[in-house]
């Protein structure tokens, strides 16, 4: 096996050298947009926005595209176009009939969204997977890692059949369409277990069969991966996950920041892992961490996706995070480091100038590397404090480090308080004897350090910080009650509107009160 690992590693290195990008980023992106427009010109969407006319503009087709097609969020795209594809209409916003629809995790709304997944998008996701595989040779991973099992903790591959299409979690759709050789040789837990429809039943089988597999790489959302590791360790009465999988060397994660989980994760390990972040959503796969020691995720610019970046400011967005129809946009070669941008996508799944909802910041503009700092509708600003998810995550990470505890889940919302406002935190942890007042102090002081607007408002309108500590199972029970357990599902970090009322109603109806409050 060592010889096989060496051969695979060498072949990947050779393939990676042969496939190095040579064109300028803007050249790649112009090519991708033109190809997308050519493919989409005879769809209902393409005819409505006259893609044929846009393509006639040989030199200026990109600018004409931006001036002609307005920004679409999910509601606008669904109500005007995608609802037709759900009814079986062909050639709506992409050629052909849509066979799969990915159900989003619903972090930006209470109901799941139906995102089209075309065969072209599935091929794009496959290509991204292979490109990430090529990039692993630059990381300090053993050659044997290329011959070990790949455990993907995602959604079930038993998709729900509707009227002429299948729907399910994007990770389940991807696993179902994995190349046959990869499925047979590498993929764990295997197609049989992956078809089990219920998350808890799948996890139980994974826990029981874990010692029979030689796993080298694990992929999944941090909260659920941590739970699976803990259950395996407890069930088999071992000290660390490496007592079960001694060759585990790589953890590929995404969806939420890993920082709040880093230290508690390390306690489950017998040796360090190589952590690699990816950028994947129900709308497609966009990039991965390509350079060791660098925090940014490198966007892949020649894989059937065209990117635009909207400065996340009051000119382009209202107070509720809604974007204007024709905002100021930047292309990949025009972005600046340290500026927050909302991401617009044009994809081979028939999304056109689609506001995915993520807010990113470029850590290295020349390399096209980003970090995800929040969501357009998941930020907290009830009195001008402008708190991002990135700020909240940093505060929780400091709580974990300072108090040596594990905060598994958290969420925050704004509320009126004594003629002003308060931030109300709900925090899930299973550590005992915690001083909630100290948690509150650390959260408050950290946010004052990392966000000047917050510091100003804490001296005026933002009068209080309230912290409720719950057992972490409270958060998971809520997710179960909402049908959002496991896979790519994530608890929203900021609660507003219906999501907030749902959470408060569920706590009240369940008779749950915080174990500790400060």
Foldseek 3Di string as FASTA:
>chain_A
DLVVLVVVLVVLLVVCVVPDDDDALVVLQVVLVLVLLVQLCPAQVNVVQVSVVLVVPPPCSVVSQLVRFWADEQVRCCVVFVVVLVVFDARGLGHGHFAEWEFFLQLLHLGTGTFTDHPLQLVLQQVQVSNVVSLCSQPPARSCLVQFAEEEFFAALQFDDDDRHTYYHLVSVSLVPDPPVCQVRHYPPHNVLSNPHDSVSSLVVCLVCQLVGQHAEYEAALLVVLVSQVSNCVVVVHQASCVRHVNHAEYEYELADCLLVVVVNVRRDPDDHHYKYFDAGSNHGFFIPRHPPDPFTFGDSNRFKRKKWAQLDVQQAPPQLDGDTNGDIDGLLGDDAPTKTFIFMDGNSSGRRYGPFWIWGAPDSSRRTIDTWAGSRQFAPPPQQTGGVNLQSVLSSVVCVVVVFRFSDKAWEKDDDDQAIEIEMETAGDDPPDDQVVSQVSSLVSSVVPTVSSVVCCVPRHPYYKYFYAHNVLVQVLCVVSVSHIRSHDHHRYDDDPRVVSSVVVCVVVVHGGPDMD
